């Protein structure tokens, strides 16, 4: 009977993690460039209830599930016209490349809400946290007093599956994503516009309802297991 408790507790923890992911999606409904996160579940170890598989056939019991990883949905969001001088949106696939001026690390984002920031050698186009925006030659975009020295480049990958989310709507590629390359004609840079989150409130709320019901069933499993344990303990007396 102890297994039923462990399985139920593991399931409750898994659904809590799932709810955290869903609530984060809902909280970022209006965050520019936000990519919806989806939970990927993994079955834990199965075992035979008694005897061997030859004796019992396919009669096996599981030990619950766990959230193996979260995956980002890179489908495009709604593009809103803002008229902002340094607002950019990508129509199609691809990312903006941004570079951390402190350690020169590079990340990619769909959030094009940029601004000018003054540094020791002049003004640069940066994101909300001061990361430098790269042009099509992977050089920082500067402001020469009258105009920008370039425009944000649109970079894409062979596959976006598995890209690491590092927070602040930034992503870092892994080995299977390959090297970044300039996106082709299928991707367009729009000025004076921003891409909104691709999270769908109706879809996320339906997932919340499913997760809540699963959580309630798991709690009933714990209650039932406890009642069985109490009955068995009573018989032993």
Protein backbone atom coordinates (compact mmCIF):
# COMPACT_ATOMS: atom_id res chain seq x y z
CA UNK A 1 0.00 0.00 0.00
CA UNK A 2 2.91 2.36 0.54
CA UNK A 3 3.39 2.51 -3.22
CA UNK A 4 -0.04 4.09 -3.65
CA UNK A 5 0.95 6.92 -1.30
CA UNK A 6 4.24 7.52 -3.08
CA UNK A 7 2.54 7.44 -6.49
CA UNK A 8 -0.15 9.86 -5.38
CA UNK A 9 2.31 12.29 -3.78
CA UNK A 10 4.48 12.18 -6.90
CA UNK A 11 1.40 12.86 -9.01
CA UNK A 12 0.36 15.80 -6.82
CA UNK A 13 3.84 17.32 -7.11
CA UNK A 14 3.76 16.83 -10.89
CA UNK A 15 0.39 18.54 -11.25
CA UNK A 16 1.59 21.39 -9.03
CA UNK A 17 4.55 21.90 -11.37
CA UNK A 18 2.15 21.76 -14.31
CA UNK A 19 -0.04 24.42 -12.69
CA UNK A 20 3.03 26.63 -12.15
CA UNK A 21 3.82 26.43 -15.88
CA UNK A 22 0.23 27.23 -16.85
CA UNK A 23 -0.01 30.14 -14.41
CA UNK A 24 3.23 31.55 -15.83
CA UNK A 25 1.74 31.40 -19.33
CA UNK A 26 -1.40 33.21 -18.18
CA UNK A 27 0.64 35.84 -16.32
CA UNK A 28 2.53 36.61 -19.55
CA UNK A 29 -0.49 36.97 -21.84
CA UNK A 30 0.49 40.57 -22.59
CA UNK A 31 4.29 40.20 -22.46
CA UNK A 32 5.91 41.16 -25.75
CA UNK A 33 7.56 38.24 -27.51
CA UNK A 34 6.65 35.69 -24.83
CA UNK A 35 6.64 32.05 -26.01
CA UNK A 36 4.16 29.68 -24.40
CA UNK A 37 5.70 26.91 -22.28
CA UNK A 38 4.30 23.38 -22.46
CA UNK A 39 4.98 20.60 -19.96
CA UNK A 40 6.33 17.29 -21.22
CA UNK A 41 5.47 14.35 -18.95
CA UNK A 42 7.41 11.13 -18.40
CA UNK A 43 6.16 7.85 -16.94
CA UNK A 44 8.13 6.55 -14.00
CA UNK A 45 9.10 2.89 -13.52
CA UNK A 46 6.51 0.15 -14.01
CA UNK A 47 6.53 -3.15 -12.16
CA UNK A 48 4.61 -6.45 -12.19
CA UNK A 49 1.94 -6.67 -9.52
CA UNK A 50 2.85 -10.30 -8.74
CA UNK A 51 4.62 -13.14 -10.43
CA UNK A 52 6.22 -12.82 -13.85
CA UNK A 53 4.95 -11.32 -17.06
CA UNK A 54 4.38 -14.86 -18.39
CA UNK A 55 2.09 -15.53 -15.45
CA UNK A 56 0.28 -12.22 -15.36
CA UNK A 57 0.40 -11.04 -18.97
CA UNK A 58 0.33 -7.24 -19.21
CA UNK A 59 -0.91 -6.72 -15.66
CA UNK A 60 1.56 -4.06 -14.50
CA UNK A 61 1.45 -1.12 -12.13
CA UNK A 62 3.10 2.23 -12.54
CA UNK A 63 4.68 4.56 -10.00
CA UNK A 64 3.39 7.86 -11.37
CA UNK A 65 4.62 10.57 -13.69
CA UNK A 66 7.00 13.50 -13.57
CA UNK A 67 7.45 16.67 -15.61
CA UNK A 68 10.52 15.75 -17.66
CA UNK A 69 11.02 19.16 -19.28
CA UNK A 70 9.22 22.25 -20.51
CA UNK A 71 9.18 23.07 -24.21
CA UNK A 72 8.63 26.48 -25.80
CA UNK A 73 6.04 27.00 -28.52
CA UNK A 74 7.62 29.19 -31.20
CA UNK A 75 4.50 29.86 -33.25
CA UNK A 76 4.01 33.55 -34.01
CA UNK A 77 1.93 35.82 -31.81
CA UNK A 78 -0.30 38.73 -32.79
CA UNK A 79 1.60 41.74 -34.15
CA UNK A 80 0.50 45.10 -32.77
CA UNK A 81 1.25 48.44 -34.39
CA UNK A 82 2.78 50.78 -31.81
CA UNK A 83 4.42 53.49 -33.90
CA UNK A 84 7.42 53.37 -31.58
CA UNK A 85 10.62 54.51 -33.28
CA UNK A 86 12.65 51.63 -31.85
CA UNK A 87 9.94 48.97 -31.77
CA UNK A 88 10.47 45.98 -34.06
CA UNK A 89 8.58 42.78 -34.81
CA UNK A 90 9.40 39.71 -36.85
CA UNK A 91 6.79 38.45 -39.29
CA UNK A 92 7.62 34.80 -39.79
CA UNK A 93 10.34 32.69 -38.23
CA UNK A 94 13.52 33.93 -36.58
CA UNK A 95 14.91 35.85 -33.63
CA UNK A 96 16.71 39.05 -32.78
CA UNK A 97 20.27 38.50 -31.63
CA UNK A 98 21.28 40.33 -28.46
CA UNK A 99 24.65 40.38 -26.69
CA UNK A 100 25.45 40.90 -23.03
CA UNK A 101 27.96 43.80 -22.84
CA UNK A 102 29.40 42.42 -19.60
CA UNK A 103 30.50 38.95 -20.73
CA UNK A 104 29.72 39.04 -24.50
CA UNK A 105 27.35 36.07 -24.20
CA UNK A 106 24.74 35.92 -26.96
CA UNK A 107 21.04 35.09 -26.73
CA UNK A 108 18.00 35.29 -29.01
CA UNK A 109 14.61 36.86 -28.48
CA UNK A 110 11.35 37.71 -30.23
CA UNK A 111 10.83 40.77 -28.02
CA UNK A 112 11.64 43.80 -30.18
CA UNK A 113 10.87 46.55 -27.67
CA UNK A 114 14.25 48.27 -27.93
CA UNK A 115 15.58 51.67 -26.86
CA UNK A 116 18.74 53.78 -27.01
CA UNK A 117 21.26 53.57 -24.20
CA UNK A 118 24.32 55.74 -23.71
CA UNK A 119 27.65 54.04 -23.21
CA UNK A 120 31.19 55.39 -22.91
CA UNK A 121 31.62 55.57 -26.69
CA UNK A 122 28.13 56.64 -27.74
CA UNK A 123 24.52 55.51 -27.97
CA UNK A 124 23.54 51.93 -28.74
CA UNK A 125 20.30 50.12 -29.48
CA UNK A 126 19.54 47.83 -26.51
CA UNK A 127 16.78 45.69 -25.09
CA UNK A 128 15.00 46.28 -21.76
CA UNK A 129 17.97 44.99 -19.74
CA UNK A 130 20.71 46.76 -21.66
CA UNK A 131 21.78 43.90 -23.94
CA UNK A 132 23.15 45.16 -27.26
CA UNK A 133 21.06 44.48 -30.38
CA UNK A 134 23.02 42.95 -33.27
CA UNK A 135 22.66 43.91 -36.93
CA UNK A 136 22.81 41.59 -39.95
CA UNK A 137 26.62 41.40 -39.63
CA UNK A 138 26.39 40.54 -35.92
CA UNK A 139 27.68 43.98 -34.93
CA UNK A 140 26.10 46.20 -32.25
CA UNK A 141 23.74 48.81 -33.68
CA UNK A 142 24.82 52.36 -32.86
CA UNK A 143 23.15 55.75 -33.14
CA UNK A 144 25.37 58.24 -34.95
CA UNK A 145 23.38 61.33 -33.99
CA UNK A 146 20.90 61.23 -36.84
CA UNK A 147 20.10 57.58 -37.48
CA UNK A 148 20.94 54.01 -36.59
CA UNK A 149 23.98 52.45 -38.24
CA UNK A 150 22.04 49.33 -39.17
CA UNK A 151 18.86 47.43 -38.57
CA UNK A 152 18.25 44.42 -36.32
CA UNK A 153 19.14 41.17 -38.02
CA UNK A 154 16.73 38.25 -38.11
CA UNK A 155 18.47 34.99 -37.26
CA UNK A 156 17.04 31.50 -37.53
CA UNK A 157 18.11 27.92 -36.82
CA UNK A 158 17.74 24.57 -38.55
CA UNK A 159 15.44 23.60 -35.68
CA UNK A 160 14.25 25.50 -32.62
CA UNK A 161 13.32 22.35 -30.73
CA UNK A 162 15.09 22.20 -27.37
CA UNK A 163 16.32 25.79 -27.21
CA UNK A 164 16.98 26.78 -23.61
CA UNK A 165 14.84 29.50 -22.08
CA UNK A 166 17.09 31.70 -19.94
CA UNK A 167 14.46 34.18 -18.76
CA UNK A 168 13.53 37.69 -19.92
CA UNK A 169 12.17 36.18 -23.17
CA UNK A 170 15.66 35.10 -24.22
CA UNK A 171 16.72 31.74 -25.61
CA UNK A 172 20.07 30.06 -26.06
CA UNK A 173 20.59 27.37 -28.72
CA UNK A 174 21.88 23.89 -27.94
CA UNK A 175 24.03 21.70 -30.16
CA UNK A 176 21.16 20.19 -32.17
CA UNK A 177 19.86 23.65 -33.10
CA UNK A 178 22.95 24.31 -35.21
CA UNK A 179 24.54 27.66 -35.94
CA UNK A 180 22.45 30.79 -36.46
CA UNK A 181 21.96 32.07 -39.98
CA UNK A 182 20.23 35.09 -41.50
CA UNK A 183 16.59 34.31 -42.19
CA UNK A 184 15.42 34.44 -45.79
CA UNK A 185 12.64 36.32 -47.54
CA UNK A 186 9.98 34.37 -45.65
CA UNK A 187 10.80 36.46 -42.56
CA UNK A 188 10.22 40.22 -42.55
CA UNK A 189 11.33 42.94 -40.15
CA UNK A 190 8.49 45.28 -39.22
CA UNK A 191 9.20 48.68 -37.70
CA UNK A 192 6.91 50.53 -35.31
CA UNK A 193 5.36 47.22 -34.24
CA UNK A 194 5.68 44.60 -31.49
CA UNK A 195 4.78 40.94 -31.37
CA UNK A 196 2.54 40.04 -28.48
CA UNK A 197 2.63 36.80 -26.50
CA UNK A 198 1.47 33.69 -28.35
CA UNK A 199 -0.30 32.38 -25.23
CA UNK A 200 -4.02 31.66 -25.73
CA UNK A 201 -6.09 32.36 -22.61
CA UNK A 202 -8.90 29.97 -23.53
CA UNK A 203 -6.49 27.12 -24.18
CA UNK A 204 -4.51 27.76 -21.02
CA UNK A 205 -7.66 27.90 -18.88
CA UNK A 206 -8.86 24.57 -20.30
CA UNK A 207 -5.50 23.04 -19.33
CA UNK A 208 -5.86 24.54 -15.84
CA UNK A 209 -9.26 22.85 -15.41
CA UNK A 210 -7.81 19.49 -16.50
CA UNK A 211 -4.85 19.88 -14.11
CA UNK A 212 -7.16 20.83 -11.22
CA UNK A 213 -9.34 17.77 -11.80
CA UNK A 214 -6.29 15.52 -11.97
CA UNK A 215 -5.06 17.03 -8.71
CA UNK A 216 -8.41 16.41 -6.99
CA UNK A 217 -8.46 12.77 -8.17
CA UNK A 218 -4.94 12.30 -6.80
CA UNK A 219 -6.03 13.63 -3.41
CA UNK A 220 -8.91 11.14 -3.43
CA UNK A 221 -6.37 8.40 -4.11
CA UNK A 222 -4.43 9.46 -1.02
CA UNK A 223 -7.63 9.49 1.06
CA UNK A 224 -8.68 6.04 -0.18
CA UNK A 225 -5.22 4.57 0.47
CA UNK A 226 -5.28 5.99 3.98
CA UNK A 227 -8.70 4.44 4.65
CA UNK A 228 -7.47 1.04 3.42
CA UNK A 229 -4.40 1.31 5.67
CA UNK A 230 -6.59 2.14 8.67
CA UNK A 231 -8.84 -0.84 7.94
CA UNK A 232 -5.85 -3.20 7.69
CA UNK A 233 -4.35 -1.85 10.89
CA UNK A 234 -7.70 -2.37 12.61
CA UNK A 235 -7.82 -6.03 11.52
CA UNK A 236 -4.39 -6.65 12.98
CA UNK A 237 -5.67 -5.76 16.43
